[in-house]
Full PDB file with SEQRES, HELIX, SHEET, SSBOND, CRYST1, ORIGX, SCALE, CONECT and MASTER records, all heavy atoms in Angstrom:
SEQRES   1 A   40  LEU LEU LYS ALA ARG VAL ASP ASP ALA GLN ARG GLU LEU          
SEQRES   2 A   40  GLU LYS SER GLY SER ASP PRO ASP PRO GLU VAL ALA GLY          
SEQRES   3 A   40  ARG ALA ARG GLU ILE LEU GLU THR LEU THR PRO TYR ARG          
SEQRES   4 A   40  ARG                                                          
HELIX    1 AA1 GLN A   10  SER A   16  1                                   7    
HELIX    2 AA2 PRO A   22  GLU A   33  1                                  12    
HELIX    3 AA3 THR A   36  ARG A   39  1                                   4    
CRYST1    1.000    1.000    1.000  90.00  90.00  90.00 P 1           1          
ORIGX1      1.000000  0.000000  0.000000        0.00000                         
ORIGX2      0.000000  1.000000  0.000000        0.00000                         
ORIGX3      0.000000  0.000000  1.000000        0.00000                         
SCALE1      1.000000  0.000000  0.000000        0.00000                         
SCALE2      0.000000  1.000000  0.000000        0.00000                         
SCALE3      0.000000  0.000000  1.000000        0.00000                         
ATOM      1  N   LEU A   1      98.224  99.520  90.176  1.00  0.00           N  
ATOM      2  CA  LEU A   1      97.659 100.760  90.261  1.00  0.00           C  
ATOM      3  C   LEU A   1      96.204 100.813  90.889  1.00  0.00           C  
ATOM      4  O   LEU A   1      95.852 101.703  91.731  1.00  0.00           O  
ATOM      5  CB  LEU A   1      97.562 101.445  88.915  1.00  0.00           C  
ATOM      6  CG  LEU A   1      98.962 101.919  88.326  1.00  0.00           C  
ATOM      7  CD1 LEU A   1      98.863 102.239  86.861  1.00  0.00           C  
ATOM      8  CD2 LEU A   1      99.561 102.986  89.091  1.00  0.00           C  
ATOM      9  N   LEU A   2      95.509  99.797  90.623  1.00  0.00           N  
ATOM     10  CA  LEU A   2      94.138  99.661  91.084  1.00  0.00           C  
ATOM     11  C   LEU A   2      94.178  99.274  92.597  1.00  0.00           C  
ATOM     12  O   LEU A   2      93.299  99.758  93.339  1.00  0.00           O  
ATOM     13  CB  LEU A   2      93.294  98.558  90.333  1.00  0.00           C  
ATOM     14  CG  LEU A   2      92.749  99.038  88.947  1.00  0.00           C  
ATOM     15  CD1 LEU A   2      92.225  97.804  88.191  1.00  0.00           C  
ATOM     16  CD2 LEU A   2      91.654  99.985  89.133  1.00  0.00           C  
ATOM     17  N   LYS A   3      95.185  98.519  93.027  1.00  0.00           N  
ATOM     18  CA  LYS A   3      95.381  98.343  94.476  1.00  0.00           C  
ATOM     19  C   LYS A   3      95.601  99.649  95.226  1.00  0.00           C  
ATOM     20  O   LYS A   3      95.222  99.818  96.298  1.00  0.00           O  
ATOM     21  CB  LYS A   3      96.459  97.354  94.676  1.00  0.00           C  
ATOM     22  CG  LYS A   3      96.026  95.854  94.430  1.00  0.00           C  
ATOM     23  CD  LYS A   3      97.178  94.913  94.690  1.00  0.00           C  
ATOM     24  CE  LYS A   3      96.715  93.452  94.524  1.00  0.00           C  
ATOM     25  NZ  LYS A   3      97.901  92.515  94.726  1.00  0.00           N  
ATOM     26  N   ALA A   4      96.356 100.525  94.555  1.00  0.00           N  
ATOM     27  CA  ALA A   4      96.724 101.749  95.214  1.00  0.00           C  
ATOM     28  C   ALA A   4      95.481 102.737  95.355  1.00  0.00           C  
ATOM     29  O   ALA A   4      95.457 103.561  96.159  1.00  0.00           O  
ATOM     30  CB  ALA A   4      97.758 102.462  94.344  1.00  0.00           C  
ATOM     31  N   ARG A   5      94.481 102.539  94.465  1.00  0.00           N  
ATOM     32  CA  ARG A   5      93.303 103.363  94.497  1.00  0.00           C  
ATOM     33  C   ARG A   5      91.987 102.588  94.819  1.00  0.00           C  
ATOM     34  O   ARG A   5      90.921 102.889  94.498  1.00  0.00           O  
ATOM     35  CB  ARG A   5      93.124 104.092  93.257  1.00  0.00           C  
ATOM     36  CG  ARG A   5      92.847 103.295  91.952  1.00  0.00           C  
ATOM     37  CD  ARG A   5      92.474 104.091  90.720  1.00  0.00           C  
ATOM     38  NE  ARG A   5      93.685 104.633  90.130  1.00  0.00           N  
ATOM     39  CZ  ARG A   5      93.643 105.230  88.929  1.00  0.00           C  
ATOM     40  NH1 ARG A   5      92.471 105.227  88.262  1.00  0.00           N  
ATOM     41  NH2 ARG A   5      94.797 105.778  88.396  1.00  0.00           N  
ATOM     42  N   VAL A   6      92.205 101.380  95.607  1.00  0.00           N  
ATOM     43  CA  VAL A   6      91.061 100.524  95.704  1.00  0.00           C  
ATOM     44  C   VAL A   6      89.903 101.136  96.496  1.00  0.00           C  
ATOM     45  O   VAL A   6      88.745 100.812  96.211  1.00  0.00           O  
ATOM     46  CB  VAL A   6      91.589  99.204  96.456  1.00  0.00           C  
ATOM     47  CG1 VAL A   6      92.135  99.550  97.912  1.00  0.00           C  
ATOM     48  CG2 VAL A   6      90.552  98.107  96.451  1.00  0.00           C  
ATOM     49  N   ASP A   7      90.219 102.053  97.397  1.00  0.00           N  
ATOM     50  CA  ASP A   7      89.119 102.652  98.182  1.00  0.00           C  
ATOM     51  C   ASP A   7      88.196 103.482  97.314  1.00  0.00           C  
ATOM     52  O   ASP A   7      86.932 103.358  97.449  1.00  0.00           O  
ATOM     53  CB  ASP A   7      89.702 103.662  99.247  1.00  0.00           C  
ATOM     54  CG  ASP A   7      90.647 102.869 100.182  1.00  0.00           C  
ATOM     55  OD1 ASP A   7      90.257 101.735 100.661  1.00  0.00           O  
ATOM     56  OD2 ASP A   7      91.774 103.339 100.393  1.00  0.00           O  
ATOM     57  N   ASP A   8      88.714 104.188  96.324  1.00  0.00           N  
ATOM     58  CA  ASP A   8      87.926 104.966  95.380  1.00  0.00           C  
ATOM     59  C   ASP A   8      87.276 104.145  94.271  1.00  0.00           C  
ATOM     60  O   ASP A   8      86.309 104.487  93.706  1.00  0.00           O  
ATOM     61  CB  ASP A   8      88.675 106.116  94.799  1.00  0.00           C  
ATOM     62  CG  ASP A   8      89.151 107.195  95.930  1.00  0.00           C  
ATOM     63  OD1 ASP A   8      88.411 107.320  96.860  1.00  0.00           O  
ATOM     64  OD2 ASP A   8      90.278 107.643  95.729  1.00  0.00           O  
ATOM     65  N   ALA A   9      88.004 103.086  94.009  1.00  0.00           N  
ATOM     66  CA  ALA A   9      87.553 102.176  92.883  1.00  0.00           C  
ATOM     67  C   ALA A   9      86.671 100.981  93.306  1.00  0.00           C  
ATOM     68  O   ALA A   9      86.217 100.113  92.517  1.00  0.00           O  
ATOM     69  CB  ALA A   9      88.748 101.693  92.090  1.00  0.00           C  
ATOM     70  N   GLN A  10      86.203 101.003  94.566  1.00  0.00           N  
ATOM     71  CA  GLN A  10      85.533  99.836  95.183  1.00  0.00           C  
ATOM     72  C   GLN A  10      84.311  99.340  94.349  1.00  0.00           C  
ATOM     73  O   GLN A  10      84.129  98.245  94.013  1.00  0.00           O  
ATOM     74  CB  GLN A  10      85.218 100.104  96.583  1.00  0.00           C  
ATOM     75  CG  GLN A  10      84.446  98.906  97.232  1.00  0.00           C  
ATOM     76  CD  GLN A  10      84.054  99.272  98.613  1.00  0.00           C  
ATOM     77  OE1 GLN A  10      84.408 100.248  99.174  1.00  0.00           O  
ATOM     78  NE2 GLN A  10      83.220  98.315  99.287  1.00  0.00           N  
ATOM     79  N   ARG A  11      83.433 100.315  93.973  1.00  0.00           N  
ATOM     80  CA  ARG A  11      82.182  99.947  93.304  1.00  0.00           C  
ATOM     81  C   ARG A  11      82.447  99.346  91.959  1.00  0.00           C  
ATOM     82  O   ARG A  11      81.885  98.363  91.555  1.00  0.00           O  
ATOM     83  CB  ARG A  11      81.279 101.140  93.260  1.00  0.00           C  
ATOM     84  CG  ARG A  11      80.724 101.527  94.622  1.00  0.00           C  
ATOM     85  CD  ARG A  11      79.728 102.762  94.420  1.00  0.00           C  
ATOM     86  NE  ARG A  11      79.203 103.169  95.666  1.00  0.00           N  
ATOM     87  CZ  ARG A  11      78.332 104.114  95.838  1.00  0.00           C  
ATOM     88  NH1 ARG A  11      77.935 104.858  94.823  1.00  0.00           N  
ATOM     89  NH2 ARG A  11      77.938 104.435  97.062  1.00  0.00           N  
ATOM     90  N   GLU A  12      83.380 100.020  91.072  1.00  0.00           N  
ATOM     91  CA  GLU A  12      83.665  99.466  89.797  1.00  0.00           C  
ATOM     92  C   GLU A  12      84.324  98.090  89.906  1.00  0.00           C  
ATOM     93  O   GLU A  12      83.986  97.240  89.031  1.00  0.00           O  
ATOM     94  CB  GLU A  12      84.616 100.472  89.146  1.00  0.00           C  
ATOM     95  CG  GLU A  12      84.014 101.787  88.832  1.00  0.00           C  
ATOM     96  CD  GLU A  12      84.241 102.791  89.886  1.00  0.00           C  
ATOM     97  OE1 GLU A  12      84.425 102.455  91.009  1.00  0.00           O  
ATOM     98  OE2 GLU A  12      84.202 104.043  89.546  1.00  0.00           O  
ATOM     99  N   LEU A  13      85.206  97.871  90.978  1.00  0.00           N  
ATOM    100  CA  LEU A  13      85.798  96.556  90.999  1.00  0.00           C  
ATOM    101  C   LEU A  13      84.850  95.532  91.447  1.00  0.00           C  
ATOM    102  O   LEU A  13      84.922  94.350  91.049  1.00  0.00           O  
ATOM    103  CB  LEU A  13      86.874  96.669  92.091  1.00  0.00           C  
ATOM    104  CG  LEU A  13      88.265  97.446  91.619  1.00  0.00           C  
ATOM    105  CD1 LEU A  13      89.085  97.828  92.751  1.00  0.00           C  
ATOM    106  CD2 LEU A  13      88.990  96.522  90.583  1.00  0.00           C  
ATOM    107  N   GLU A  14      83.849  95.868  92.323  1.00  0.00           N  
ATOM    108  CA  GLU A  14      82.931  94.852  92.704  1.00  0.00           C  
ATOM    109  C   GLU A  14      81.998  94.437  91.461  1.00  0.00           C  
ATOM    110  O   GLU A  14      81.741  93.254  91.403  1.00  0.00           O  
ATOM    111  CB  GLU A  14      81.913  95.450  93.742  1.00  0.00           C  
ATOM    112  CG  GLU A  14      82.571  95.483  95.174  1.00  0.00           C  
ATOM    113  CD  GLU A  14      81.800  96.339  96.222  1.00  0.00           C  
ATOM    114  OE1 GLU A  14      80.819  97.020  95.757  1.00  0.00           O  
ATOM    115  OE2 GLU A  14      82.098  96.253  97.376  1.00  0.00           O  
ATOM    116  N   LYS A  15      81.661  95.419  90.574  1.00  0.00           N  
ATOM    117  CA  LYS A  15      80.826  95.019  89.423  1.00  0.00           C  
ATOM    118  C   LYS A  15      81.855  94.084  88.575  1.00  0.00           C  
ATOM    119  O   LYS A  15      81.361  93.147  87.926  1.00  0.00           O  
ATOM    120  CB  LYS A  15      80.512  96.299  88.752  1.00  0.00           C  
ATOM    121  CG  LYS A  15      79.565  97.175  89.318  1.00  0.00           C  
ATOM    122  CD  LYS A  15      79.183  98.344  88.492  1.00  0.00           C  
ATOM    123  CE  LYS A  15      78.221  99.258  89.283  1.00  0.00           C  
ATOM    124  NZ  LYS A  15      77.991 100.544  88.496  1.00  0.00           N  
ATOM    125  N   SER A  16      83.092  94.305  88.516  1.00  0.00           N  
ATOM    126  CA  SER A  16      83.986  93.586  87.530  1.00  0.00           C  
ATOM    127  C   SER A  16      84.320  92.224  88.139  1.00  0.00           C  
ATOM    128  O   SER A  16      84.874  91.402  87.415  1.00  0.00           O  
ATOM    129  CB  SER A  16      85.252  94.388  87.403  1.00  0.00           C  
ATOM    130  OG  SER A  16      85.084  95.616  86.805  1.00  0.00           O  
ATOM    131  N   GLY A  17      83.905  92.015  89.434  1.00  0.00           N  
ATOM    132  CA  GLY A  17      84.194  90.633  90.030  1.00  0.00           C  
ATOM    133  C   GLY A  17      83.344  89.548  89.354  1.00  0.00           C  
ATOM    134  O   GLY A  17      83.602  88.436  89.564  1.00  0.00           O  
ATOM    135  N   SER A  18      82.337  89.965  88.656  1.00  0.00           N  
ATOM    136  CA  SER A  18      81.438  88.957  87.965  1.00  0.00           C  
ATOM    137  C   SER A  18      81.627  89.045  86.321  1.00  0.00           C  
ATOM    138  O   SER A  18      80.747  88.849  85.592  1.00  0.00           O  
ATOM    139  CB  SER A  18      80.029  89.140  88.306  1.00  0.00           C  
ATOM    140  OG  SER A  18      79.577  90.454  88.132  1.00  0.00           O  
ATOM    141  N   ASP A  19      82.788  89.780  85.994  1.00  0.00           N  
ATOM    142  CA  ASP A  19      83.062  90.008  84.513  1.00  0.00           C  
ATOM    143  C   ASP A  19      83.158  88.656  83.812  1.00  0.00           C  
ATOM    144  O   ASP A  19      83.668  87.752  84.411  1.00  0.00           O  
ATOM    145  CB  ASP A  19      84.340  90.821  84.430  1.00  0.00           C  
ATOM    146  CG  ASP A  19      84.485  91.386  82.931  1.00  0.00           C  
ATOM    147  OD1 ASP A  19      84.995  90.557  82.109  1.00  0.00           O  
ATOM    148  OD2 ASP A  19      84.252  92.542  82.755  1.00  0.00           O  
ATOM    149  N   PRO A  20      82.570  88.539  82.581  1.00  0.00           N  
ATOM    150  CA  PRO A  20      82.733  87.348  81.818  1.00  0.00           C  
ATOM    151  C   PRO A  20      84.149  86.868  81.585  1.00  0.00           C  
ATOM    152  O   PRO A  20      84.393  85.714  81.274  1.00  0.00           O  
ATOM    153  CB  PRO A  20      81.960  87.609  80.556  1.00  0.00           C  
ATOM    154  CG  PRO A  20      81.880  89.117  80.440  1.00  0.00           C  
ATOM    155  CD  PRO A  20      81.805  89.595  81.843  1.00  0.00           C  
ATOM    156  N   ASP A  21      85.053  87.885  81.508  1.00  0.00           N  
ATOM    157  CA  ASP A  21      86.499  87.473  81.404  1.00  0.00           C  
ATOM    158  C   ASP A  21      87.033  87.032  82.644  1.00  0.00           C  
ATOM    159  O   ASP A  21      87.142  87.816  83.545  1.00  0.00           O  
ATOM    160  CB  ASP A  21      87.262  88.788  80.814  1.00  0.00           C  
ATOM    161  CG  ASP A  21      88.821  88.469  80.567  1.00  0.00           C  
ATOM    162  OD1 ASP A  21      89.266  87.369  81.080  1.00  0.00           O  
ATOM    163  OD2 ASP A  21      89.314  89.135  79.726  1.00  0.00           O  
ATOM    164  N   PRO A  22      87.376  85.806  82.737  1.00  0.00           N  
ATOM    165  CA  PRO A  22      87.859  85.268  84.160  1.00  0.00           C  
ATOM    166  C   PRO A  22      89.064  85.926  84.664  1.00  0.00           C  
ATOM    167  O   PRO A  22      89.281  85.998  85.836  1.00  0.00           O  
ATOM    168  CB  PRO A  22      88.072  83.725  83.816  1.00  0.00           C  
ATOM    169  CG  PRO A  22      88.267  83.660  82.351  1.00  0.00           C  
ATOM    170  CD  PRO A  22      87.399  84.732  81.812  1.00  0.00           C  
ATOM    171  N   GLU A  23      89.893  86.392  83.721  1.00  0.00           N  
ATOM    172  CA  GLU A  23      91.220  87.077  84.170  1.00  0.00           C  
ATOM    173  C   GLU A  23      90.776  88.427  84.853  1.00  0.00           C  
ATOM    174  O   GLU A  23      91.290  88.838  85.887  1.00  0.00           O  
ATOM    175  CB  GLU A  23      92.109  87.350  82.934  1.00  0.00           C  
ATOM    176  CG  GLU A  23      93.300  88.107  83.312  1.00  0.00           C  
ATOM    177  CD  GLU A  23      94.319  87.162  84.016  1.00  0.00           C  
ATOM    178  OE1 GLU A  23      94.254  85.966  83.818  1.00  0.00           O  
ATOM    179  OE2 GLU A  23      95.228  87.634  84.667  1.00  0.00           O  
ATOM    180  N   VAL A  24      89.787  89.223  84.290  1.00  0.00           N  
ATOM    181  CA  VAL A  24      89.385  90.382  84.823  1.00  0.00           C  
ATOM    182  C   VAL A  24      88.693  90.185  86.128  1.00  0.00           C  
ATOM    183  O   VAL A  24      88.970  90.876  87.096  1.00  0.00           O  
ATOM    184  CB  VAL A  24      88.422  91.220  83.815  1.00  0.00           C  
ATOM    185  CG1 VAL A  24      87.813  92.424  84.529  1.00  0.00           C  
ATOM    186  CG2 VAL A  24      89.251  91.624  82.616  1.00  0.00           C  
ATOM    187  N   ALA A  25      87.786  89.202  86.202  1.00  0.00           N  
ATOM    188  CA  ALA A  25      86.947  88.909  87.378  1.00  0.00           C  
ATOM    189  C   ALA A  25      87.981  88.471  88.407  1.00  0.00           C  
ATOM    190  O   ALA A  25      87.813  89.007  89.613  1.00  0.00           O  
ATOM    191  CB  ALA A  25      85.935  87.807  86.991  1.00  0.00           C  
ATOM    192  N   GLY A  26      88.833  87.602  88.205  1.00  0.00           N  
ATOM    193  CA  GLY A  26      89.833  87.167  89.262  1.00  0.00           C  
ATOM    194  C   GLY A  26      90.692  88.157  89.812  1.00  0.00           C  
ATOM    195  O   GLY A  26      90.865  88.196  91.020  1.00  0.00           O  
ATOM    196  N   ARG A  27      91.250  89.083  89.001  1.00  0.00           N  
ATOM    197  CA  ARG A  27      92.043  90.107  89.417  1.00  0.00           C  
ATOM    198  C   ARG A  27      91.260  91.220  90.170  1.00  0.00           C  
ATOM    199  O   ARG A  27      91.750  91.677  91.109  1.00  0.00           O  
ATOM    200  CB  ARG A  27      92.792  90.792  88.247  1.00  0.00           C  
ATOM    201  CG  ARG A  27      93.963  89.865  87.711  1.00  0.00           C  
ATOM    202  CD  ARG A  27      94.686  90.537  86.594  1.00  0.00           C  
ATOM    203  NE  ARG A  27      95.848  89.799  86.249  1.00  0.00           N  
ATOM    204  CZ  ARG A  27      97.129  89.832  86.560  1.00  0.00           C  
ATOM    205  NH1 ARG A  27      97.340  90.839  87.422  1.00  0.00           N  
ATOM    206  NH2 ARG A  27      98.043  89.155  86.097  1.00  0.00           N  
ATOM    207  N   ALA A  28      90.039  91.455  89.712  1.00  0.00           N  
ATOM    208  CA  ALA A  28      89.214  92.336  90.467  1.00  0.00           C  
ATOM    209  C   ALA A  28      88.925  91.871  91.863  1.00  0.00           C  
ATOM    210  O   ALA A  28      89.017  92.729  92.868  1.00  0.00           O  
ATOM    211  CB  ALA A  28      87.851  92.586  89.719  1.00  0.00           C  
ATOM    212  N   ARG A  29      88.645  90.662  92.087  1.00  0.00           N  
ATOM    213  CA  ARG A  29      88.389  90.113  93.329  1.00  0.00           C  
ATOM    214  C   ARG A  29      89.679  90.101  94.221  1.00  0.00           C  
ATOM    215  O   ARG A  29      89.655  90.328  95.453  1.00  0.00           O  
ATOM    216  CB  ARG A  29      87.894  88.660  93.223  1.00  0.00           C  
ATOM    217  CG  ARG A  29      86.345  88.618  92.750  1.00  0.00           C  
ATOM    218  CD  ARG A  29      85.784  87.253  92.975  1.00  0.00           C  
ATOM    219  NE  ARG A  29      86.475  86.254  92.161  1.00  0.00           N  
ATOM    220  CZ  ARG A  29      85.996  85.842  90.857  1.00  0.00           C  
ATOM    221  NH1 ARG A  29      85.005  86.530  90.264  1.00  0.00           N  
ATOM    222  NH2 ARG A  29      86.683  85.006  90.257  1.00  0.00           N  
ATOM    223  N   GLU A  30      90.788  89.750  93.562  1.00  0.00           N  
ATOM    224  CA  GLU A  30      92.118  89.906  94.256  1.00  0.00           C  
ATOM    225  C   GLU A  30      92.397  91.238  94.818  1.00  0.00           C  
ATOM    226  O   GLU A  30      92.793  91.435  95.940  1.00  0.00           O  
ATOM    227  CB  GLU A  30      93.228  89.445  93.331  1.00  0.00           C  
ATOM    228  CG  GLU A  30      94.584  89.617  93.908  1.00  0.00           C  
ATOM    229  CD  GLU A  30      95.753  89.521  92.868  1.00  0.00           C  
ATOM    230  OE1 GLU A  30      95.455  88.988  91.834  1.00  0.00           O  
ATOM    231  OE2 GLU A  30      96.816  90.047  93.084  1.00  0.00           O  
ATOM    232  N   ILE A  31      92.119  92.285  94.022  1.00  0.00           N  
ATOM    233  CA  ILE A  31      92.339  93.637  94.390  1.00  0.00           C  
ATOM    234  C   ILE A  31      91.385  94.032  95.526  1.00  0.00           C  
ATOM    235  O   ILE A  31      91.822  94.709  96.544  1.00  0.00           O  
ATOM    236  CB  ILE A  31      92.123  94.600  93.237  1.00  0.00           C  
ATOM    237  CG1 ILE A  31      93.193  94.354  92.160  1.00  0.00           C  
ATOM    238  CG2 ILE A  31      92.144  96.069  93.608  1.00  0.00           C  
ATOM    239  CD1 ILE A  31      92.815  94.954  90.833  1.00  0.00           C  
ATOM    240  N   LEU A  32      90.171  93.625  95.494  1.00  0.00           N  
ATOM    241  CA  LEU A  32      89.200  94.029  96.540  1.00  0.00           C  
ATOM    242  C   LEU A  32      89.618  93.312  97.853  1.00  0.00           C  
ATOM    243  O   LEU A  32      89.223  93.848  98.940  1.00  0.00           O  
ATOM    244  CB  LEU A  32      87.743  93.452  96.218  1.00  0.00           C  
ATOM    245  CG  LEU A  32      87.054  94.443  95.128  1.00  0.00           C  
ATOM    246  CD1 LEU A  32      85.811  93.619  94.620  1.00  0.00           C  
ATOM    247  CD2 LEU A  32      86.679  95.626  95.807  1.00  0.00           C  
ATOM    248  N   GLU A  33      90.341  92.242  97.855  1.00  0.00           N  
ATOM    249  CA  GLU A  33      90.792  91.573  99.104  1.00  0.00           C  
ATOM    250  C   GLU A  33      91.644  92.495  99.944  1.00  0.00           C  
ATOM    251  O   GLU A  33      91.743  92.390 101.170  1.00  0.00           O  
ATOM    252  CB  GLU A  33      91.418  90.215  98.820  1.00  0.00           C  
ATOM    253  CG  GLU A  33      90.463  89.091  98.429  1.00  0.00           C  
ATOM    254  CD  GLU A  33      91.144  87.867  98.120  1.00  0.00           C  
ATOM    255  OE1 GLU A  33      92.396  87.777  98.094  1.00  0.00           O  
ATOM    256  OE2 GLU A  33      90.429  86.921  97.637  1.00  0.00           O  
ATOM    257  N   THR A  34      92.339  93.332  99.214  1.00  0.00           N  
ATOM    258  CA  THR A  34      93.317  94.240  99.937  1.00  0.00           C  
ATOM    259  C   THR A  34      92.513  95.328 100.759  1.00  0.00           C  
ATOM    260  O   THR A  34      93.074  95.962 101.512  1.00  0.00           O  
ATOM    261  CB  THR A  34      94.241  94.989  98.988  1.00  0.00           C  
ATOM    262  OG1 THR A  34      93.518  95.892  98.073  1.00  0.00           O  
ATOM    263  CG2 THR A  34      95.047  93.946  98.036  1.00  0.00           C  
ATOM    264  N   LEU A  35      91.334  95.539 100.418  1.00  0.00           N  
ATOM    265  CA  LEU A  35      90.483  96.414 101.117  1.00  0.00           C  
ATOM    266  C   LEU A  35      89.875  95.951 102.421  1.00  0.00           C  
ATOM    267  O   LEU A  35      89.701  96.710 103.342  1.00  0.00           O  
ATOM    268  CB  LEU A  35      89.277  96.868 100.181  1.00  0.00           C  
ATOM    269  CG  LEU A  35      88.335  97.963 100.643  1.00  0.00           C  
ATOM    270  CD1 LEU A  35      88.956  99.239 100.715  1.00  0.00           C  
ATOM    271  CD2 LEU A  35      87.107  98.062  99.650  1.00  0.00           C  
ATOM    272  N   THR A  36      89.794  94.641 102.555  1.00  0.00           N  
ATOM    273  CA  THR A  36      89.155  93.987 103.681  1.00  0.00           C  
ATOM    274  C   THR A  36      89.716  94.470 105.022  1.00  0.00           C  
ATOM    275  O   THR A  36      88.997  94.774 105.969  1.00  0.00           O  
ATOM    276  CB  THR A  36      89.166  92.510 103.578  1.00  0.00           C  
ATOM    277  OG1 THR A  36      88.361  92.191 102.260  1.00  0.00           O  
ATOM    278  CG2 THR A  36      88.285  91.835 104.667  1.00  0.00           C  
ATOM    279  N   PRO A  37      91.081  94.369 105.249  1.00  0.00           N  
ATOM    280  CA  PRO A  37      91.569  94.678 106.534  1.00  0.00           C  
ATOM    281  C   PRO A  37      91.383  96.112 107.003  1.00  0.00           C  
ATOM    282  O   PRO A  37      91.045  96.468 107.994  1.00  0.00           O  
ATOM    283  CB  PRO A  37      93.050  94.331 106.406  1.00  0.00           C  
ATOM    284  CG  PRO A  37      93.192  93.406 105.292  1.00  0.00           C  
ATOM    285  CD  PRO A  37      92.077  93.773 104.324  1.00  0.00           C  
ATOM    286  N   TYR A  38      91.431  97.028 105.934  1.00  0.00           N  
ATOM    287  CA  TYR A  38      91.238  98.407 106.142  1.00  0.00           C  
ATOM    288  C   TYR A  38      89.731  98.660 106.577  1.00  0.00           C  
ATOM    289  O   TYR A  38      89.446  99.363 107.448  1.00  0.00           O  
ATOM    290  CB  TYR A  38      91.463  99.266 104.849  1.00  0.00           C  
ATOM    291  CG  TYR A  38      91.043 100.659 104.930  1.00  0.00           C  
ATOM    292  CD1 TYR A  38      91.626 101.554 105.753  1.00  0.00           C  
ATOM    293  CD2 TYR A  38      89.910 101.055 104.102  1.00  0.00           C  
ATOM    294  CE1 TYR A  38      91.232 102.928 105.726  1.00  0.00           C  
ATOM    295  CE2 TYR A  38      89.498 102.419 104.163  1.00  0.00           C  
ATOM    296  CZ  TYR A  38      90.123 103.252 104.956  1.00  0.00           C  
ATOM    297  OH  TYR A  38      89.645 104.554 104.941  1.00  0.00           O  
ATOM    298  N   ARG A  39      88.786  97.980 105.839  1.00  0.00           N  
ATOM    299  CA  ARG A  39      87.393  98.193 106.243  1.00  0.00           C  
ATOM    300  C   ARG A  39      87.109  97.623 107.632  1.00  0.00           C  
ATOM    301  O   ARG A  39      86.318  98.299 108.408  1.00  0.00           O  
ATOM    302  CB  ARG A  39      86.454  97.368 105.165  1.00  0.00           C  
ATOM    303  CG  ARG A  39      86.443  97.968 103.795  1.00  0.00           C  
ATOM    304  CD  ARG A  39      85.854  97.045 102.833  1.00  0.00           C  
ATOM    305  NE  ARG A  39      84.400  96.827 103.186  1.00  0.00           N  
ATOM    306  CZ  ARG A  39      83.384  97.226 102.552  1.00  0.00           C  
ATOM    307  NH1 ARG A  39      83.531  97.904 101.411  1.00  0.00           N  
ATOM    308  NH2 ARG A  39      82.136  96.981 102.839  1.00  0.00           N  
ATOM    309  N   ARG A  40      87.727  96.569 108.032  1.00  0.00           N  
ATOM    310  CA  ARG A  40      87.511  95.986 109.279  1.00  0.00           C  
ATOM    311  C   ARG A  40      88.107  96.944 110.401  1.00  0.00           C  
ATOM    312  O   ARG A  40      87.417  97.078 111.382  1.00  0.00           O  
ATOM    313  CB  ARG A  40      88.273  94.599 109.330  1.00  0.00           C  
ATOM    314  CG  ARG A  40      88.023  93.804 110.751  1.00  0.00           C  
ATOM    315  CD  ARG A  40      88.365  92.416 110.628  1.00  0.00           C  
ATOM    316  NE  ARG A  40      89.781  92.246 110.238  1.00  0.00           N  
ATOM    317  CZ  ARG A  40      90.163  91.494 109.140  1.00  0.00           C  
ATOM    318  NH1 ARG A  40      89.314  90.979 108.533  1.00  0.00           N  
ATOM    319  NH2 ARG A  40      91.462  91.359 108.951  1.00  0.00           N  
TER     320      ARG A  40                                                      
MASTER        0    0    0    3    0    0    0    6  319    1    0    4          
END                                                                             
């Protein structure tokens, strides 16, 4: 669901990329990667 709304959730996901929970941080960074081709 977050991948589907990644454009609107970008800022929150960027903050979560450094979350102390490695599972949250890793998945947040994974989701943000789907934004890169679109941004380019």
